[in-house]
Structures are given as C-alpha cells and as structure tokens.
C-alpha cells in the first residue's frame, strides 16, 4: 500500500532475498535463490541508471523514453525468470493467473491513454508549423494569421485529455492490490510473486509520474514504500524520492507543465506573441531570433514525442504478447488435460 516515504534503514545486498516471504526452516534450492537474486540485482541496476543526473533531465522526453525502455526491459526480465523457474502455467495458482491478466489489461488501457495524449500533444505541432509558415510569408496579414495559430496552439495545449484522468483511477486500483500475496507450499511460486511485485511497483511508479506530467498536477503522485529487504529497495527509494520531489517543486512554483521540451516551446511562444501582436518595430533582431528558436524547439518537441510514442507502443506490444502467451498456454494445458481425461475414460471402459 502507499504510505508517505520514510527514511530507509541500512539494507544489505547479500544473503537470501526470500527470507522475508518464506517461513522459517523452509528449504529453497540455491538455483531459486540465485534466480531471484539475479533478477532483483538487475532491477536495482536499471533503477540506478534511470535516476536523472540532474534536475533538468527530469521529465525531458528523452528521460521519459528511457523510463519506458526500462519498463520494457523489466517486463522482459520477468519472462526470462519464468522460463528459468521451469514453472509450467498448469502449475500456476488460479489467483496468480487472475492477478496477472487483470493487471495486464489495466496496463494496456494505460498505454492507450498515454499514446492518445502523446498524439494530442503532437497535433499541436500543426499550429506551430502554421505560425512559422505565416511569419515566413510576405502577406500583409501574416501577423494576423500567425497570432491566430499561436492562440490555437495555446488553447490546444491547455486542454485536458479525459483519458489521463482515468489512468489515475486505474493506477489507484493497482496500488490497492499491491501487497505481496500469501503463498503456501511453493518456493517457485514465492519467487515468481516476489519478482512480479517488483515489476508492479516500478510500473506503477513510472505510470504515476507520466500521468502527473500529462495532467498538469502533482496531486495524485504517491510515494510507494517497499520492504527494505528487497535488493532493489534503496535504488527505488532514491529514484522515487528524487523524481517525485522535483515534480512537486515544479508544480508548486506555478508552472503549468513539467515536460521540458513543451515548456521550452511555450517560452518561445510567450516571447514571440507580443511581437506578433504589436508589430516588429525596432525589435527586428529579437523577432528573427524568436522565430528561429521557436522553429528549433518545435521540431525537438515533435521528434521527442514521436520517439516516446514508439517506445510506449513497444511496451504495449510486450504486455500484449505476454498476455497472449499466457492465454495460449492455458488453452494448450486445458486441451491436454481434456485429452488425458478422455484417454483414462476409454481405458476404464
């Protein structure tokens, strides 16, 4: 469950990472311990790499792209772990399957919402292209049309996407089901659930950050607290504290957006707008530089949105193929069970 972040006590990166969820005297093979340890150390390393080097990197489109890349890699890692566990789907508890399928469909909905918002933001590039085209013309009405396009851009960017609001509802539901499940008599099941818990925590964190960035508010940001015994706990706490803290600071300062490239374009628009409205006059050099800056920043924003949209689509495909693979294996397992039962019935007769 989500609670205010508390200072972490020192944690140790060695030993049995299963010691928290396994009852005393439970035997876990060295192979299982090594599989989980390798997964959690890899997760910790990915989280450390994702921590921005400085505040200016937070919620740049390039950092957001790296965040989605990390999610894709982590979700791929869990597939590798499942293979290493040699735990057939037929041996999965029904609760695990239900949780996985429920979580995966929620993630697909979130991806669709994020893709919708990225597409909406990129549509604003058309207004900026019209601005630059009009300012490059020799028409006497160039400033009138340019001003109209600037107004259109500001109105478009300032509007809200209802799908992002729905993301918060979905994410809140995921947080409510975040607690580690109780598992009996299955060391492999415990390894699987602990690893999936890590994947779920990091996924919720990244999606919450994205939703906060797209919504223009830090009100829905939360600080997830995870057990200190996990090998990735400290790396996660450092990343979450740094990113969430900076986002809250940015919004508390009165800024309307935390997206760096969008903020840069907005600054250019604000600088150019009064010149377009009142005429160039003695500000010819400032006007020329402002138009040039707007063109460069608009292109950088559009390119960044395109690249991020591709990463979100890639993550969507990873979640979708994982879900489809599980459903396929379940169908195969059911068919095999039916065939075996039919064979037994024949033998009895």
Protein backbone atom coordinates (compact mmCIF):
# COMPACT_ATOMS: atom_id res chain seq x y z
CA UNK A 1 0.00 0.00 0.00
CA UNK A 2 1.10 3.58 -0.49
CA UNK A 3 2.33 5.49 2.52
CA UNK A 4 4.47 8.61 2.99
CA UNK A 5 8.11 7.81 2.31
CA UNK A 6 10.02 7.08 5.49
CA UNK A 7 13.80 7.01 5.92
CA UNK A 8 15.21 3.64 5.00
CA UNK A 9 17.33 1.74 7.47
CA UNK A 10 20.56 0.29 6.09
CA UNK A 11 19.92 -2.73 3.91
CA UNK A 12 22.26 -5.48 2.88
CA UNK A 13 22.78 -6.71 -0.65
CA UNK A 14 23.75 -10.26 0.23
CA UNK A 15 22.03 -13.29 1.65
CA UNK A 16 18.74 -14.95 0.86
CA UNK A 17 16.36 -12.46 -0.80
CA UNK A 18 13.48 -14.81 0.02
CA UNK A 19 13.95 -14.58 3.77
CA UNK A 20 11.01 -12.20 4.21
CA UNK A 21 8.33 -14.23 2.45
CA UNK A 22 9.43 -17.77 3.31
CA UNK A 23 8.55 -19.35 6.65
CA UNK A 24 11.38 -20.41 8.91
CA UNK A 25 13.03 -23.75 8.10
CA UNK A 26 11.73 -23.63 4.52
CA UNK A 27 14.17 -25.09 2.05
CA UNK A 28 14.86 -23.14 -1.11
CA UNK A 29 17.25 -24.53 -3.66
CA UNK A 30 20.39 -22.50 -4.44
CA UNK A 31 19.15 -22.23 -8.04
CA UNK A 32 15.95 -20.46 -6.98
CA UNK A 33 17.85 -18.12 -4.67
CA UNK A 34 20.28 -17.25 -7.45
CA UNK A 35 17.46 -16.68 -9.98
CA UNK A 36 15.68 -14.22 -7.71
CA UNK A 37 18.89 -12.53 -6.62
CA UNK A 38 19.94 -12.06 -10.24
CA UNK A 39 16.53 -10.61 -11.13
CA UNK A 40 16.49 -8.19 -8.19
CA UNK A 41 20.08 -7.05 -8.75
CA UNK A 42 19.25 -6.40 -12.41
CA UNK A 43 16.16 -4.45 -11.35
CA UNK A 44 18.24 -2.38 -8.92
CA UNK A 45 20.75 -1.59 -11.64
CA UNK A 46 18.03 -0.47 -14.05
CA UNK A 47 16.59 1.83 -11.38
CA UNK A 48 20.00 3.36 -10.66
CA UNK A 49 20.53 4.06 -14.35
CA UNK A 50 17.11 5.69 -14.57
CA UNK A 51 17.87 8.21 -11.83
CA UNK A 52 18.46 11.55 -13.60
CA UNK A 53 21.93 13.04 -13.36
CA UNK A 54 20.48 16.46 -12.58
CA UNK A 55 17.11 18.14 -12.17
CA UNK A 56 16.99 19.37 -15.76
CA UNK A 57 16.73 15.80 -17.02
CA UNK A 58 13.56 15.06 -15.05
CA UNK A 59 10.64 14.67 -17.42
CA UNK A 60 12.53 15.57 -20.51
CA UNK A 61 11.13 13.45 -23.31
CA UNK A 62 14.46 11.66 -23.57
CA UNK A 63 14.26 10.66 -19.88
CA UNK A 64 10.67 9.54 -20.32
CA UNK A 65 11.75 7.44 -23.29
CA UNK A 66 14.44 5.82 -21.12
CA UNK A 67 11.81 5.16 -18.43
CA UNK A 68 9.60 3.26 -20.89
CA UNK A 69 12.64 1.40 -22.23
CA UNK A 70 13.40 0.32 -18.65
CA UNK A 71 9.83 -0.89 -18.16
CA UNK A 72 10.06 -2.91 -21.37
CA UNK A 73 13.34 -4.46 -20.22
CA UNK A 74 11.97 -5.25 -16.75
CA UNK A 75 8.87 -6.92 -18.18
CA UNK A 76 11.13 -8.92 -20.49
CA UNK A 77 13.27 -9.90 -17.49
CA UNK A 78 10.24 -11.38 -15.73
CA UNK A 79 9.57 -13.58 -18.75
CA UNK A 80 13.17 -14.80 -18.59
CA UNK A 81 12.75 -15.52 -14.87
CA UNK A 82 9.58 -17.53 -15.51
CA UNK A 83 11.46 -19.61 -18.06
CA UNK A 84 14.28 -20.17 -15.60
CA UNK A 85 11.86 -21.26 -12.88
CA UNK A 86 10.58 -24.06 -15.10
CA UNK A 87 7.14 -23.48 -13.65
CA UNK A 88 4.55 -24.60 -16.19
CA UNK A 89 1.43 -22.50 -16.48
CA UNK A 90 -0.51 -25.56 -15.46
CA UNK A 91 1.15 -25.31 -12.05
CA UNK A 92 0.19 -21.65 -11.57
CA UNK A 93 -2.34 -20.89 -8.88
CA UNK A 94 -5.59 -19.54 -10.32
CA UNK A 95 -5.14 -16.40 -8.21
CA UNK A 96 -1.78 -15.68 -9.87
CA UNK A 97 -3.34 -16.02 -13.30
CA UNK A 98 -6.29 -13.80 -12.42
CA UNK A 99 -3.99 -11.12 -10.98
CA UNK A 100 -1.66 -11.23 -14.00
CA UNK A 101 -4.49 -11.00 -16.52
CA UNK A 102 -6.21 -8.21 -14.59
CA UNK A 103 -3.00 -6.21 -14.24
CA UNK A 104 -2.06 -6.68 -17.88
CA UNK A 105 -5.38 -5.39 -19.22
CA UNK A 106 -5.06 -2.35 -16.95
CA UNK A 107 -1.56 -1.67 -18.32
CA UNK A 108 -2.87 -1.92 -21.87
CA UNK A 109 -5.54 0.69 -21.05
CA UNK A 110 -2.87 2.97 -19.56
CA UNK A 111 -0.69 2.59 -22.66
CA UNK A 112 -3.63 3.50 -24.88
CA UNK A 113 -4.27 6.61 -22.77
CA UNK A 114 -0.62 7.68 -22.92
CA UNK A 115 -0.50 7.13 -26.67
CA UNK A 116 -3.64 9.23 -27.02
CA UNK A 117 -2.06 12.08 -25.05
CA UNK A 118 1.21 11.95 -26.98
CA UNK A 119 -0.74 12.07 -30.23
CA UNK A 120 -2.79 15.02 -28.94
CA UNK A 121 0.33 16.94 -27.94
CA UNK A 122 1.93 16.25 -31.30
CA UNK A 123 -1.12 17.58 -33.10
CA UNK A 124 -0.19 20.96 -31.66
CA UNK A 125 2.83 20.91 -33.98
CA UNK A 126 0.46 21.73 -36.85
CA UNK A 127 -0.39 25.06 -35.23
CA UNK A 128 3.31 25.86 -34.84
CA UNK A 129 4.00 24.96 -38.45
CA UNK A 130 1.25 27.37 -39.50
CA UNK A 131 2.81 30.07 -37.33
CA UNK A 132 6.24 29.61 -38.90
CA UNK A 133 4.78 29.42 -42.42
CA UNK A 134 2.81 32.63 -41.96
CA UNK A 135 5.74 34.52 -40.47
CA UNK A 136 7.86 33.44 -43.43
CA UNK A 137 5.38 34.89 -45.93
CA UNK A 138 5.25 38.44 -47.27
CA UNK A 139 1.49 38.77 -46.82
CA UNK A 140 0.16 41.86 -45.05
CA UNK A 141 -1.97 39.53 -42.95
CA UNK A 142 0.92 37.34 -41.87
CA UNK A 143 0.85 38.54 -38.26
CA UNK A 144 -2.93 38.19 -38.01
CA UNK A 145 -2.83 34.57 -39.16
CA UNK A 146 0.27 33.81 -37.07
CA UNK A 147 -1.40 35.23 -33.98
CA UNK A 148 -4.49 33.11 -34.64
CA UNK A 149 -2.33 29.98 -34.90
CA UNK A 150 -0.49 30.87 -31.69
CA UNK A 151 -3.83 31.25 -29.93
CA UNK A 152 -4.90 27.89 -31.35
CA UNK A 153 -1.72 26.23 -30.06
CA UNK A 154 -2.10 27.66 -26.58
CA UNK A 155 -5.73 26.59 -26.39
CA UNK A 156 -4.93 23.11 -27.72
CA UNK A 157 -2.04 22.51 -25.31
CA UNK A 158 -4.02 23.89 -22.40
CA UNK A 159 -6.94 21.48 -22.91
CA UNK A 160 -7.25 18.28 -20.87
CA UNK A 161 -7.41 14.69 -22.00
CA UNK A 162 -10.08 12.79 -20.00
CA UNK A 163 -8.24 9.52 -20.59
CA UNK A 164 -5.41 10.71 -18.35
CA UNK A 165 -7.87 11.20 -15.50
CA UNK A 166 -8.99 7.61 -15.99
CA UNK A 167 -5.35 6.49 -15.67
CA UNK A 168 -5.26 7.70 -12.08
CA UNK A 169 -8.30 5.58 -11.25
CA UNK A 170 -6.66 2.51 -12.79
CA UNK A 171 -3.36 3.15 -11.03
CA UNK A 172 -5.05 3.70 -7.68
CA UNK A 173 -6.69 0.31 -8.11
CA UNK A 174 -3.32 -1.29 -8.86
CA UNK A 175 -1.86 0.28 -5.72
CA UNK A 176 -4.68 -1.15 -3.63
CA UNK A 177 -3.75 -4.66 -4.80
CA UNK A 178 -0.01 -4.20 -4.39
CA UNK A 179 0.54 -6.26 -1.22
CA UNK A 180 2.53 -9.47 -1.62
CA UNK A 181 0.15 -12.46 -1.87
CA UNK A 182 0.31 -15.24 0.69
CA UNK A 183 1.63 -18.39 -0.93
CA UNK A 184 1.90 -21.82 0.67
CA UNK A 185 3.99 -24.84 -0.26
CA UNK A 186 5.53 -23.41 -3.43
CA UNK A 187 9.04 -21.99 -3.37
CA UNK A 188 8.86 -21.32 -7.09
CA UNK A 189 5.56 -19.55 -6.62
CA UNK A 190 7.05 -17.33 -3.93
CA UNK A 191 9.96 -16.42 -6.18
CA UNK A 192 7.57 -15.61 -9.02
CA UNK A 193 5.29 -13.46 -6.86
CA UNK A 194 8.17 -11.53 -5.28
CA UNK A 195 9.63 -10.77 -8.70
CA UNK A 196 6.24 -9.75 -10.07
CA UNK A 197 5.79 -7.48 -7.06
CA UNK A 198 8.95 -5.61 -8.05
CA UNK A 199 7.78 -5.29 -11.63
CA UNK A 200 4.41 -3.98 -10.48
CA UNK A 201 5.90 -1.40 -8.09
CA UNK A 202 8.22 0.08 -10.70
CA UNK A 203 5.49 0.04 -13.36
CA UNK A 204 3.06 1.90 -11.09
CA UNK A 205 5.72 4.46 -10.19
CA UNK A 206 6.63 5.24 -13.81
CA UNK A 207 2.99 5.38 -14.91
CA UNK A 208 2.09 7.64 -11.98
CA UNK A 209 4.91 10.02 -12.96
CA UNK A 210 3.74 10.08 -16.58
CA UNK A 211 0.13 10.67 -15.56
CA UNK A 212 1.18 13.52 -13.28
CA UNK A 213 3.20 15.08 -16.10
CA UNK A 214 0.37 14.81 -18.62
CA UNK A 215 -2.33 16.00 -16.21
CA UNK A 216 -0.51 19.16 -15.11
CA UNK A 217 -0.85 18.31 -11.42
CA UNK A 218 1.22 16.57 -8.75
CA UNK A 219 -1.79 15.96 -6.50
CA UNK A 220 -2.05 12.29 -7.50
CA UNK A 221 1.63 11.49 -7.05
CA UNK A 222 2.26 8.95 -4.31
CA UNK A 223 5.34 7.65 -2.54
CA UNK A 224 5.32 3.87 -2.54
CA UNK A 225 7.04 2.19 0.37
CA UNK A 226 8.56 -1.23 -0.27
CA UNK A 227 10.13 -3.75 2.11
CA UNK A 228 13.74 -2.88 2.82
CA UNK A 229 14.83 -6.49 2.41
CA UNK A 230 14.47 -6.35 -1.36
CA UNK A 231 17.76 -5.85 -3.17
CA UNK A 232 16.26 -3.06 -5.28
CA UNK A 233 14.59 -1.19 -2.38
CA UNK A 234 17.24 1.50 -1.88
CA UNK A 235 17.65 2.20 -5.61
CA UNK A 236 13.88 2.56 -5.92
CA UNK A 237 13.62 4.86 -2.89
CA UNK A 238 16.39 7.11 -4.28
CA UNK A 239 14.77 7.32 -7.72
CA UNK A 240 11.25 7.87 -6.43
CA UNK A 241 12.28 10.50 -3.88
CA UNK A 242 14.32 12.47 -6.41
CA UNK A 243 11.77 12.41 -9.24
CA UNK A 244 8.59 12.89 -7.20
CA UNK A 245 10.20 15.63 -5.11
CA UNK A 246 11.28 17.60 -8.15
CA UNK A 247 7.90 17.27 -9.87
CA UNK A 248 6.18 18.59 -6.75
CA UNK A 249 8.62 21.51 -6.61
CA UNK A 250 8.00 22.39 -10.25
CA UNK A 251 4.22 22.42 -9.89
CA UNK A 252 4.35 24.30 -6.58
CA UNK A 253 6.26 27.07 -8.38
CA UNK A 254 3.21 27.68 -10.55
CA UNK A 255 4.38 26.09 -13.81
CA UNK A 256 1.67 24.56 -15.96
CA UNK A 257 3.78 21.72 -17.33
CA UNK A 258 6.79 19.69 -16.27
CA UNK A 259 7.58 18.43 -19.76
CA UNK A 260 10.88 20.14 -20.57
CA UNK A 261 10.54 20.33 -24.36
CA UNK A 262 6.95 21.54 -24.11
CA UNK A 263 8.00 24.16 -21.57
CA UNK A 264 10.73 25.36 -23.94
CA UNK A 265 8.24 25.79 -26.80
CA UNK A 266 5.84 27.60 -24.50
CA UNK A 267 8.62 30.02 -23.52
CA UNK A 268 9.29 30.76 -27.20
CA UNK A 269 5.59 31.30 -27.86
CA UNK A 270 5.32 33.74 -24.96
CA UNK A 271 8.33 35.66 -26.22
CA UNK A 272 7.10 35.84 -29.80
CA UNK A 273 3.43 36.55 -29.13
CA UNK A 274 3.69 40.25 -28.12
CA UNK A 275 5.94 40.95 -31.10
CA UNK A 276 3.42 39.37 -33.47
CA UNK A 277 0.59 41.22 -31.76
CA UNK A 278 2.14 44.67 -31.71
CA UNK A 279 4.41 44.54 -34.76
CA UNK A 280 8.14 44.14 -35.18
CA UNK A 281 9.07 47.81 -34.87
CA UNK A 282 12.61 48.16 -33.52
CA UNK A 283 12.76 44.54 -32.45
CA UNK A 284 13.73 43.06 -35.81
CA UNK A 285 16.69 41.13 -34.41
CA UNK A 286 14.70 39.83 -31.43
CA UNK A 287 11.88 38.87 -33.77
CA UNK A 288 14.21 36.95 -36.07
CA UNK A 289 15.82 35.08 -33.19
CA UNK A 290 12.46 34.30 -31.63
CA UNK A 291 11.14 32.79 -34.84
CA UNK A 292 14.31 30.73 -35.23
CA UNK A 293 14.15 29.49 -31.62
CA UNK A 294 10.50 28.53 -31.98
CA UNK A 295 11.24 26.50 -35.10
CA UNK A 296 14.10 24.58 -33.46
CA UNK A 297 12.21 23.93 -30.23
CA UNK A 298 9.03 22.91 -32.06
CA UNK A 299 10.97 20.35 -34.11
CA UNK A 300 12.69 19.00 -30.99
CA UNK A 301 9.34 18.64 -29.23
CA UNK A 302 7.73 16.85 -32.18
CA UNK A 303 10.66 14.46 -32.62
CA UNK A 304 10.74 13.71 -28.91
CA UNK A 305 7.02 12.97 -28.84
CA UNK A 306 7.35 10.65 -31.84
CA UNK A 307 10.19 8.67 -30.23
CA UNK A 308 8.39 8.40 -26.91
CA UNK A 309 5.19 7.29 -28.66
CA UNK A 310 7.14 4.47 -30.37
CA UNK A 311 8.51 3.31 -27.01
CA UNK A 312 5.04 3.32 -25.45
CA UNK A 313 3.76 1.29 -28.41
CA UNK A 314 6.66 -1.14 -27.95
CA UNK A 315 5.82 -1.55 -24.26
CA UNK A 316 2.17 -2.12 -25.20
CA UNK A 317 3.25 -4.94 -27.53
CA UNK A 318 5.39 -6.56 -24.81
CA UNK A 319 2.48 -6.56 -22.36
CA UNK A 320 0.08 -7.78 -25.04
CA UNK A 321 2.30 -10.65 -26.25
CA UNK A 322 2.94 -11.75 -22.66
CA UNK A 323 -0.79 -11.82 -22.01
CA UNK A 324 -1.47 -13.69 -25.25
CA UNK A 325 1.26 -16.23 -24.48
CA UNK A 326 -0.25 -16.98 -21.08
CA UNK A 327 -3.74 -17.39 -22.54
CA UNK A 328 -2.35 -19.65 -25.27
CA UNK A 329 -0.54 -21.82 -22.72
CA UNK A 330 -3.68 -22.04 -20.63
CA UNK A 331 -5.65 -23.24 -23.65
CA UNK A 332 -2.97 -25.80 -24.52
CA UNK A 333 -2.90 -27.00 -20.91
CA UNK A 334 -6.68 -27.33 -20.85
CA UNK A 335 -6.72 -29.29 -24.11
CA UNK A 336 -4.02 -31.65 -22.86
CA UNK A 337 -5.90 -32.21 -19.61
CA UNK A 338 -9.08 -32.96 -21.55
CA UNK A 339 -7.23 -35.42 -23.79
CA UNK A 340 -5.71 -37.23 -20.80
CA UNK A 341 -9.10 -37.46 -19.11
CA UNK A 342 -10.66 -38.79 -22.28
CA UNK A 343 -7.91 -41.41 -22.56
CA UNK A 344 -8.49 -42.50 -18.98
CA UNK A 345 -12.23 -42.83 -19.62
CA UNK A 346 -11.52 -45.04 -22.66
CA UNK A 347 -9.17 -47.24 -20.63
CA UNK A 348 -11.76 -47.64 -17.90
CA UNK A 349 -14.36 -48.73 -20.41
